[in-house]
Amino acid sequence: MFEIDTPKWHVVYIKPRKEEVVKVQLERIGIKTFYPKVKVVKKGIEKVEPMFPLYMFAKFSVVKDFFNVHFARGVRRVVKFGNQVPSLSEEFIEYLRSVNGCLIENKLGIKESYCVKIVDGPFRNFIGKVLKMKRGEERVVVILKAMNSLTLEVPVEYVEITTERKNA
């Protein structure tokens, strides 16, 4: 039979630099936590960063533990939509555990100042220049001079290196 009080994984929005405080507070009252991290290379230096900055996963019963989690030191709030507190599957958490600590690389070799062509999305076929790599190099900020120097942020998969310069 389905139990409404079954502990499930939920998303908790936390205060900056309070990961350890929240972990200790929640684990002290018997709630499991998970704060996944990844390795990224920035300017040639390998760093460990949160996979989801300011978001932690906690396994708890909404009925029994919601207020204990919501008002724990270091927590801003439990993520919810209206009155609904969404839960995550065990499979999703296990997948995150399997990639926890892995190196995330920009396999396309795109770097700042490279000339790129947008190959997907609403700006497809526009040429621009990479201003900045973001979030572990999975997104890029591109400037499109053909659009009055419009800057936009797109997934790195949406761009490819090009030698064309007609719009850059």
N, C-alpha and C. Protein backbone atom coordinates (compact mmCIF):
# COMPACT_ATOMS: atom_id res chain seq x y z
N MET A 1 0.84 -1.19 0.00
CA MET A 1 0.00 0.00 0.00
C MET A 1 0.88 1.25 0.00
N PHE A 2 0.44 2.30 -0.68
CA PHE A 2 1.19 3.55 -0.77
C PHE A 2 1.12 4.31 0.55
N GLU A 3 2.28 4.71 1.04
CA GLU A 3 2.34 5.48 2.27
C GLU A 3 2.65 6.92 1.94
N ILE A 4 1.81 7.84 2.38
CA ILE A 4 2.02 9.26 2.10
C ILE A 4 3.22 9.80 2.88
N ASP A 5 3.57 9.12 3.96
CA ASP A 5 4.63 9.60 4.83
C ASP A 5 6.01 9.03 4.48
N THR A 6 6.15 8.38 3.34
CA THR A 6 7.41 7.77 2.94
C THR A 6 8.45 8.85 2.64
N PRO A 7 9.65 8.75 3.21
CA PRO A 7 10.69 9.73 2.89
C PRO A 7 11.10 9.65 1.42
N LYS A 8 11.20 10.80 0.79
CA LYS A 8 11.61 10.90 -0.61
C LYS A 8 12.65 12.01 -0.73
N TRP A 9 13.34 12.02 -1.85
CA TRP A 9 14.35 13.06 -2.10
C TRP A 9 13.66 14.34 -2.57
N HIS A 10 14.06 15.45 -1.96
CA HIS A 10 13.51 16.76 -2.30
C HIS A 10 14.67 17.74 -2.48
N VAL A 11 14.37 18.87 -3.09
CA VAL A 11 15.38 19.91 -3.33
C VAL A 11 15.26 20.98 -2.25
N VAL A 12 16.41 21.34 -1.68
CA VAL A 12 16.46 22.36 -0.64
C VAL A 12 17.35 23.50 -1.12
N TYR A 13 16.82 24.72 -1.09
CA TYR A 13 17.56 25.91 -1.48
C TYR A 13 18.27 26.43 -0.24
N ILE A 14 19.61 26.53 -0.32
CA ILE A 14 20.40 26.87 0.86
C ILE A 14 21.10 28.22 0.71
N LYS A 15 21.57 28.73 1.81
CA LYS A 15 22.30 30.00 1.82
C LYS A 15 23.73 29.76 1.31
N PRO A 16 24.36 30.79 0.74
CA PRO A 16 25.73 30.62 0.23
C PRO A 16 26.70 30.16 1.32
N ARG A 17 27.57 29.23 0.95
CA ARG A 17 28.62 28.71 1.82
C ARG A 17 28.10 28.06 3.11
N LYS A 18 26.89 27.52 3.08
CA LYS A 18 26.30 26.88 4.26
C LYS A 18 26.04 25.39 4.05
N GLU A 19 26.70 24.80 3.03
CA GLU A 19 26.47 23.39 2.72
C GLU A 19 26.74 22.50 3.92
N GLU A 20 27.86 22.70 4.56
CA GLU A 20 28.26 21.85 5.69
C GLU A 20 27.33 22.06 6.88
N VAL A 21 26.94 23.30 7.13
CA VAL A 21 26.03 23.61 8.25
C VAL A 21 24.70 22.89 8.03
N VAL A 22 24.15 23.00 6.82
CA VAL A 22 22.87 22.36 6.52
C VAL A 22 23.00 20.85 6.63
N LYS A 23 24.08 20.30 6.08
CA LYS A 23 24.29 18.85 6.16
C LYS A 23 24.29 18.37 7.61
N VAL A 24 25.04 19.04 8.47
CA VAL A 24 25.12 18.66 9.88
C VAL A 24 23.76 18.81 10.55
N GLN A 25 23.07 19.94 10.31
CA GLN A 25 21.77 20.18 10.93
C GLN A 25 20.76 19.09 10.55
N LEU A 26 20.71 18.75 9.25
CA LEU A 26 19.72 17.78 8.80
C LEU A 26 20.08 16.35 9.20
N GLU A 27 21.35 16.01 9.09
CA GLU A 27 21.75 14.64 9.46
C GLU A 27 21.61 14.41 10.96
N ARG A 28 21.70 15.46 11.74
CA ARG A 28 21.52 15.36 13.19
C ARG A 28 20.10 14.90 13.54
N ILE A 29 19.13 15.27 12.68
CA ILE A 29 17.74 14.85 12.94
C ILE A 29 17.33 13.66 12.06
N GLY A 30 18.34 12.97 11.49
CA GLY A 30 18.09 11.72 10.78
C GLY A 30 17.70 11.87 9.31
N ILE A 31 18.01 13.02 8.71
CA ILE A 31 17.67 13.24 7.30
C ILE A 31 18.93 13.12 6.46
N LYS A 32 18.86 12.24 5.44
CA LYS A 32 20.00 12.07 4.53
C LYS A 32 20.11 13.28 3.62
N THR A 33 21.35 13.68 3.29
CA THR A 33 21.57 14.80 2.38
C THR A 33 22.55 14.39 1.29
N PHE A 34 22.51 15.15 0.21
CA PHE A 34 23.44 14.93 -0.90
C PHE A 34 23.69 16.28 -1.58
N TYR A 35 24.96 16.65 -1.69
CA TYR A 35 25.36 17.91 -2.32
C TYR A 35 26.40 17.57 -3.38
N PRO A 36 25.94 17.25 -4.61
CA PRO A 36 26.87 16.78 -5.65
C PRO A 36 27.83 17.86 -6.13
N LYS A 37 29.05 17.42 -6.44
CA LYS A 37 30.09 18.32 -6.94
C LYS A 37 30.71 17.73 -8.20
N VAL A 38 31.29 18.60 -9.01
CA VAL A 38 31.98 18.18 -10.22
C VAL A 38 33.32 18.89 -10.30
N LYS A 39 34.23 18.30 -11.06
CA LYS A 39 35.52 18.94 -11.33
C LYS A 39 35.38 19.69 -12.64
N VAL A 40 35.88 20.91 -12.68
CA VAL A 40 35.88 21.70 -13.92
C VAL A 40 37.27 22.27 -14.11
N VAL A 41 37.60 22.55 -15.35
CA VAL A 41 38.89 23.17 -15.65
C VAL A 41 38.60 24.60 -16.07
N LYS A 42 39.14 25.55 -15.31
CA LYS A 42 38.98 26.96 -15.63
C LYS A 42 40.36 27.58 -15.71
N LYS A 43 40.64 28.16 -16.87
CA LYS A 43 41.95 28.79 -17.11
C LYS A 43 43.08 27.83 -16.80
N GLY A 44 42.89 26.58 -17.20
CA GLY A 44 43.92 25.57 -17.05
C GLY A 44 44.05 24.97 -15.67
N ILE A 45 43.21 25.39 -14.73
CA ILE A 45 43.29 24.91 -13.35
C ILE A 45 42.05 24.06 -13.05
N GLU A 46 42.28 22.87 -12.53
CA GLU A 46 41.17 21.99 -12.17
C GLU A 46 40.63 22.38 -10.80
N LYS A 47 39.31 22.59 -10.73
CA LYS A 47 38.65 22.98 -9.48
C LYS A 47 37.47 22.05 -9.23
N VAL A 48 37.08 21.95 -7.98
CA VAL A 48 35.87 21.21 -7.61
C VAL A 48 34.81 22.25 -7.27
N GLU A 49 33.65 22.14 -7.94
CA GLU A 49 32.56 23.09 -7.73
C GLU A 49 31.26 22.34 -7.53
N PRO A 50 30.27 22.98 -6.91
CA PRO A 50 28.96 22.35 -6.78
C PRO A 50 28.34 22.12 -8.16
N MET A 51 27.68 20.99 -8.32
CA MET A 51 26.98 20.71 -9.56
C MET A 51 25.77 21.64 -9.70
N PHE A 52 25.09 21.90 -8.57
CA PHE A 52 23.94 22.79 -8.53
C PHE A 52 24.16 23.79 -7.40
N PRO A 53 24.87 24.88 -7.66
CA PRO A 53 25.17 25.83 -6.58
C PRO A 53 23.90 26.28 -5.84
N LEU A 54 23.98 26.28 -4.54
CA LEU A 54 22.91 26.70 -3.62
C LEU A 54 21.74 25.72 -3.52
N TYR A 55 21.85 24.55 -4.14
CA TYR A 55 20.78 23.56 -4.04
C TYR A 55 21.35 22.24 -3.51
N MET A 56 20.68 21.70 -2.52
CA MET A 56 21.08 20.44 -1.89
C MET A 56 19.88 19.50 -1.97
N PHE A 57 20.14 18.22 -1.97
CA PHE A 57 19.08 17.23 -1.97
C PHE A 57 18.97 16.66 -0.56
N ALA A 58 17.74 16.47 -0.10
CA ALA A 58 17.51 15.90 1.23
C ALA A 58 16.38 14.88 1.14
N LYS A 59 16.55 13.76 1.83
CA LYS A 59 15.53 12.70 1.81
C LYS A 59 14.74 12.78 3.11
N PHE A 60 13.48 13.20 2.96
CA PHE A 60 12.64 13.36 4.15
C PHE A 60 11.17 13.18 3.80
N SER A 61 10.38 13.01 4.85
CA SER A 61 8.93 12.92 4.72
C SER A 61 8.36 14.34 4.78
N VAL A 62 7.61 14.71 3.76
CA VAL A 62 7.02 16.06 3.74
C VAL A 62 6.09 16.26 4.93
N VAL A 63 5.29 15.26 5.24
CA VAL A 63 4.33 15.37 6.33
C VAL A 63 5.04 15.52 7.68
N LYS A 64 6.04 14.70 7.90
CA LYS A 64 6.69 14.65 9.21
C LYS A 64 7.83 15.68 9.37
N ASP A 65 8.61 15.91 8.32
CA ASP A 65 9.85 16.68 8.47
C ASP A 65 9.92 18.02 7.74
N PHE A 66 8.88 18.41 7.02
CA PHE A 66 8.96 19.61 6.20
C PHE A 66 9.44 20.83 7.00
N PHE A 67 8.82 21.11 8.12
CA PHE A 67 9.18 22.31 8.88
C PHE A 67 10.56 22.22 9.51
N ASN A 68 10.96 21.00 9.92
CA ASN A 68 12.31 20.83 10.45
C ASN A 68 13.36 21.16 9.39
N VAL A 69 13.10 20.76 8.15
CA VAL A 69 14.04 21.04 7.06
C VAL A 69 13.96 22.52 6.68
N HIS A 70 12.75 23.00 6.48
CA HIS A 70 12.54 24.37 6.03
C HIS A 70 13.17 25.40 6.98
N PHE A 71 13.11 25.13 8.28
CA PHE A 71 13.63 26.09 9.25
C PHE A 71 15.00 25.71 9.82
N ALA A 72 15.67 24.75 9.22
CA ALA A 72 17.03 24.39 9.66
C ALA A 72 17.99 25.53 9.37
N ARG A 73 18.99 25.68 10.22
CA ARG A 73 19.99 26.73 10.03
C ARG A 73 20.69 26.55 8.69
N GLY A 74 20.78 27.63 7.90
CA GLY A 74 21.44 27.60 6.61
C GLY A 74 20.51 27.33 5.44
N VAL A 75 19.27 26.95 5.72
CA VAL A 75 18.30 26.68 4.65
C VAL A 75 17.50 27.95 4.36
N ARG A 76 17.36 28.26 3.08
CA ARG A 76 16.47 29.38 2.70
C ARG A 76 15.04 28.87 2.63
N ARG A 77 14.85 27.75 1.93
CA ARG A 77 13.51 27.16 1.84
C ARG A 77 13.60 25.80 1.14
N VAL A 78 12.55 25.03 1.32
CA VAL A 78 12.38 23.79 0.57
C VAL A 78 11.73 24.21 -0.75
N VAL A 79 12.24 23.70 -1.86
CA VAL A 79 11.69 24.06 -3.17
C VAL A 79 10.31 23.44 -3.31
N LYS A 80 9.34 24.30 -3.66
CA LYS A 80 7.99 23.82 -3.87
C LYS A 80 7.31 24.67 -4.93
N PHE A 81 6.26 24.15 -5.49
CA PHE A 81 5.46 24.83 -6.50
C PHE A 81 4.05 24.93 -5.96
N GLY A 82 3.68 26.12 -5.52
CA GLY A 82 2.40 26.27 -4.84
C GLY A 82 2.47 25.50 -3.54
N ASN A 83 1.53 24.58 -3.35
CA ASN A 83 1.53 23.74 -2.15
C ASN A 83 2.20 22.39 -2.39
N GLN A 84 2.69 22.16 -3.60
CA GLN A 84 3.28 20.88 -3.96
C GLN A 84 4.80 20.89 -3.74
N VAL A 85 5.29 19.90 -3.03
CA VAL A 85 6.73 19.73 -2.84
C VAL A 85 7.15 18.58 -3.74
N PRO A 86 7.77 18.90 -4.90
CA PRO A 86 8.13 17.81 -5.83
C PRO A 86 9.21 16.91 -5.25
N SER A 87 9.16 15.65 -5.64
CA SER A 87 10.18 14.71 -5.18
C SER A 87 10.97 14.21 -6.39
N LEU A 88 12.15 13.70 -6.10
CA LEU A 88 13.04 13.15 -7.12
C LEU A 88 13.12 11.65 -6.94
N SER A 89 13.32 10.94 -8.04
CA SER A 89 13.40 9.49 -7.96
C SER A 89 14.76 9.05 -7.40
N GLU A 90 14.76 7.87 -6.81
CA GLU A 90 16.01 7.26 -6.33
C GLU A 90 16.98 7.07 -7.50
N GLU A 91 16.45 6.74 -8.68
CA GLU A 91 17.29 6.53 -9.86
C GLU A 91 18.04 7.80 -10.23
N PHE A 92 17.35 8.94 -10.16
CA PHE A 92 17.99 10.21 -10.49
C PHE A 92 19.11 10.52 -9.49
N ILE A 93 18.85 10.32 -8.22
CA ILE A 93 19.87 10.57 -7.19
C ILE A 93 21.05 9.61 -7.39
N GLU A 94 20.77 8.34 -7.72
CA GLU A 94 21.85 7.38 -7.96
C GLU A 94 22.68 7.79 -9.18
N TYR A 95 22.02 8.31 -10.21
CA TYR A 95 22.76 8.80 -11.37
C TYR A 95 23.68 9.96 -10.96
N LEU A 96 23.16 10.90 -10.19
CA LEU A 96 23.99 12.02 -9.73
C LEU A 96 25.16 11.52 -8.88
N ARG A 97 24.91 10.52 -8.06
CA ARG A 97 26.00 9.94 -7.25
C ARG A 97 27.06 9.33 -8.15
N SER A 98 26.64 8.73 -9.27
CA SER A 98 27.60 8.08 -10.16
C SER A 98 28.50 9.09 -10.88
N VAL A 99 28.02 10.31 -11.09
CA VAL A 99 28.85 11.33 -11.75
C VAL A 99 29.42 12.33 -10.75
N ASN A 100 29.11 12.17 -9.47
CA ASN A 100 29.62 13.07 -8.43
C ASN A 100 31.15 13.05 -8.43
N GLY A 101 31.75 14.21 -8.54
CA GLY A 101 33.20 14.32 -8.53
C GLY A 101 33.86 14.11 -9.88
N CYS A 102 33.07 13.82 -10.91
CA CYS A 102 33.63 13.60 -12.25
C CYS A 102 34.08 14.91 -12.87
N LEU A 103 34.98 14.80 -13.83
CA LEU A 103 35.48 15.96 -14.55
C LEU A 103 34.53 16.30 -15.68
N ILE A 104 34.08 17.54 -15.71
CA ILE A 104 33.23 18.04 -16.79
C ILE A 104 34.13 18.83 -17.73
N GLU A 105 34.18 18.44 -18.97
CA GLU A 105 35.08 19.08 -19.92
C GLU A 105 34.32 19.68 -21.09
N ASN A 106 34.90 20.72 -21.65
CA ASN A 106 34.40 21.30 -22.89
C ASN A 106 35.04 20.50 -24.01
N LYS A 107 34.34 19.48 -24.47
CA LYS A 107 34.90 18.58 -25.48
C LYS A 107 34.98 19.22 -26.86
N LEU A 108 34.33 20.36 -27.05
CA LEU A 108 34.35 21.00 -28.36
C LEU A 108 35.55 21.91 -28.53
N GLY A 109 36.30 22.18 -27.49
CA GLY A 109 37.50 23.01 -27.59
C GLY A 109 37.22 24.49 -27.79
N ILE A 110 36.01 24.93 -27.49
CA ILE A 110 35.66 26.34 -27.67
C ILE A 110 36.19 27.15 -26.49
N LYS A 111 36.80 28.29 -26.81
CA LYS A 111 37.36 29.16 -25.78
C LYS A 111 36.93 30.59 -26.03
N GLU A 112 37.16 31.44 -25.01
CA GLU A 112 36.85 32.86 -25.14
C GLU A 112 37.59 33.46 -26.32
N SER A 113 36.94 34.36 -27.03
CA SER A 113 37.42 35.11 -28.21
C SER A 113 37.36 34.30 -29.51
N TYR A 114 36.94 33.02 -29.45
CA TYR A 114 36.79 32.24 -30.67
C TYR A 114 35.59 32.74 -31.47
N CYS A 115 35.71 32.68 -32.78
CA CYS A 115 34.62 33.00 -33.68
C CYS A 115 33.79 31.73 -33.84
N VAL A 116 32.47 31.84 -33.59
CA VAL A 116 31.61 30.67 -33.64
C VAL A 116 30.36 30.92 -34.48
N LYS A 117 29.82 29.83 -34.98
CA LYS A 117 28.56 29.87 -35.72
C LYS A 117 27.52 29.17 -34.85
N ILE A 118 26.35 29.77 -34.69
CA ILE A 118 25.28 29.16 -33.91
C ILE A 118 24.58 28.15 -34.83
N VAL A 119 24.52 26.90 -34.40
CA VAL A 119 24.00 25.82 -35.25
C VAL A 119 22.64 25.31 -34.82
N ASP A 120 22.08 25.86 -33.73
CA ASP A 120 20.78 25.41 -33.26
C ASP A 120 20.10 26.56 -32.53
N GLY A 121 18.80 26.47 -32.37
CA GLY A 121 18.05 27.49 -31.65
C GLY A 121 17.59 28.62 -32.56
N PRO A 122 16.97 29.65 -31.99
CA PRO A 122 16.39 30.73 -32.78
C PRO A 122 17.42 31.59 -33.51
N PHE A 123 18.68 31.58 -33.10
CA PHE A 123 19.72 32.38 -33.75
C PHE A 123 20.60 31.52 -34.67
N ARG A 124 20.06 30.39 -35.12
CA ARG A 124 20.78 29.48 -35.99
C ARG A 124 21.35 30.24 -37.20
N ASN A 125 22.58 29.89 -37.56
CA ASN A 125 23.34 30.44 -38.70
C ASN A 125 23.93 31.83 -38.47
N PHE A 126 23.72 32.42 -37.30
CA PHE A 126 24.40 33.68 -36.99
C PHE A 126 25.83 33.39 -36.56
N ILE A 127 26.71 34.33 -36.88
CA ILE A 127 28.12 34.22 -36.51
C ILE A 127 28.37 35.22 -35.38
N GLY A 128 29.18 34.81 -34.41
CA GLY A 128 29.49 35.69 -33.30
C GLY A 128 30.83 35.36 -32.69
N LYS A 129 31.13 36.06 -31.62
CA LYS A 129 32.40 35.88 -30.92
C LYS A 129 32.09 35.47 -29.48
N VAL A 130 32.82 34.48 -28.97
CA VAL A 130 32.62 34.02 -27.60
C VAL A 130 33.21 35.04 -26.63
N LEU A 131 32.34 35.58 -25.77
CA LEU A 131 32.81 36.53 -24.75
C LEU A 131 33.25 35.82 -23.48
N LYS A 132 32.49 34.76 -23.12
CA LYS A 132 32.76 34.12 -21.84
C LYS A 132 32.20 32.71 -21.83
N MET A 133 32.91 31.80 -21.17
CA MET A 133 32.41 30.45 -20.92
C MET A 133 31.75 30.49 -19.54
N LYS A 134 30.63 29.80 -19.38
CA LYS A 134 29.91 29.85 -18.10
C LYS A 134 29.61 28.47 -17.56
N ARG A 135 29.43 28.42 -16.25
CA ARG A 135 29.01 27.21 -15.53
C ARG A 135 29.77 25.97 -15.94
N GLY A 136 31.05 25.98 -15.68
CA GLY A 136 31.84 24.79 -15.98
C GLY A 136 31.97 24.53 -17.47
N GLU A 137 31.83 25.57 -18.27
CA GLU A 137 32.02 25.55 -19.71
C GLU A 137 30.95 24.77 -20.48
N GLU A 138 29.74 24.65 -19.91
CA GLU A 138 28.68 24.02 -20.70
C GLU A 138 27.78 25.05 -21.37
N ARG A 139 28.00 26.34 -21.09
CA ARG A 139 27.27 27.42 -21.75
C ARG A 139 28.27 28.49 -22.18
N VAL A 140 27.91 29.21 -23.23
CA VAL A 140 28.79 30.29 -23.72
C VAL A 140 27.99 31.57 -23.88
N VAL A 141 28.65 32.69 -23.66
CA VAL A 141 28.06 34.00 -23.93
C VAL A 141 28.66 34.45 -25.25
N VAL A 142 27.79 34.70 -26.23
CA VAL A 142 28.22 35.07 -27.58
C VAL A 142 27.71 36.47 -27.90
N ILE A 143 28.54 37.27 -28.55
CA ILE A 143 28.11 38.58 -29.01
C ILE A 143 27.88 38.52 -30.51
N LEU A 144 26.71 39.00 -30.94
CA LEU A 144 26.34 39.03 -32.35
C LEU A 144 26.34 40.49 -32.82
N LYS A 145 27.36 40.89 -33.54
CA LYS A 145 27.43 42.27 -34.00
C LYS A 145 26.37 42.57 -35.05
N ALA A 146 25.94 41.57 -35.81
CA ALA A 146 24.92 41.78 -36.83
C ALA A 146 23.60 42.20 -36.20
N MET A 147 23.44 41.94 -34.90
CA MET A 147 22.21 42.29 -34.19
C MET A 147 22.48 43.43 -33.22
N ASN A 148 23.24 44.44 -33.66
CA ASN A 148 23.59 45.60 -32.82
C ASN A 148 24.28 45.17 -31.52
N SER A 149 25.24 44.30 -31.64
CA SER A 149 26.03 43.81 -30.52
C SER A 149 25.19 43.11 -29.44
N LEU A 150 24.23 42.35 -29.88
CA LEU A 150 23.39 41.57 -28.97
C LEU A 150 24.23 40.47 -28.33
N THR A 151 24.15 40.34 -27.01
CA THR A 151 24.83 39.23 -26.34
C THR A 151 23.77 38.24 -25.89
N LEU A 152 24.09 36.96 -26.06
CA LEU A 152 23.17 35.92 -25.62
C LEU A 152 23.96 34.76 -25.06
N GLU A 153 23.29 34.03 -24.18
CA GLU A 153 23.89 32.85 -23.56
C GLU A 153 23.22 31.62 -24.13
N VAL A 154 24.02 30.71 -24.65
CA VAL A 154 23.49 29.50 -25.28
C VAL A 154 24.27 28.28 -24.80
N PRO A 155 23.67 27.09 -24.89
CA PRO A 155 24.42 25.87 -24.56
C PRO A 155 25.60 25.72 -25.52
N VAL A 156 26.71 25.19 -25.05
CA VAL A 156 27.90 25.05 -25.87
C VAL A 156 27.63 24.15 -27.09
N GLU A 157 26.66 23.23 -26.97
CA GLU A 157 26.33 22.37 -28.11
C GLU A 157 25.70 23.15 -29.26
N TYR A 158 25.21 24.36 -28.99
CA TYR A 158 24.57 25.17 -30.03
C TYR A 158 25.57 25.91 -30.90
N VAL A 159 26.84 25.84 -30.59
CA VAL A 159 27.83 26.59 -31.38
C VAL A 159 28.92 25.67 -31.91
N GLU A 160 29.54 26.10 -33.00
CA GLU A 160 30.71 25.40 -33.52
C GLU A 160 31.72 26.44 -33.95
N ILE A 161 32.98 26.07 -33.83
CA ILE A 161 34.05 26.98 -34.23
C ILE A 161 33.99 27.22 -35.73
N THR A 162 34.17 28.46 -36.14
CA THR A 162 34.13 28.79 -37.56
C THR A 162 35.23 29.80 -37.89
N THR A 163 35.56 29.89 -39.15
CA THR A 163 36.54 30.89 -39.59
C THR A 163 35.81 32.05 -40.27
N GLU A 164 34.48 31.90 -40.49
CA GLU A 164 33.71 32.98 -41.09
C GLU A 164 33.70 34.19 -40.17
N ARG A 165 33.70 35.37 -40.73
CA ARG A 165 33.70 36.57 -39.91
C ARG A 165 32.68 37.60 -40.40
N LYS A 166 31.77 37.20 -41.26
CA LYS A 166 30.85 38.19 -41.86
C LYS A 166 30.00 38.93 -40.84
N ASN A 167 29.59 38.29 -39.75
CA ASN A 167 28.74 38.95 -38.76
C ASN A 167 29.45 39.22 -37.43
N ALA A 168 30.68 38.73 -37.31
CA ALA A 168 31.35 38.82 -36.00
C ALA A 168 31.96 40.17 -35.77
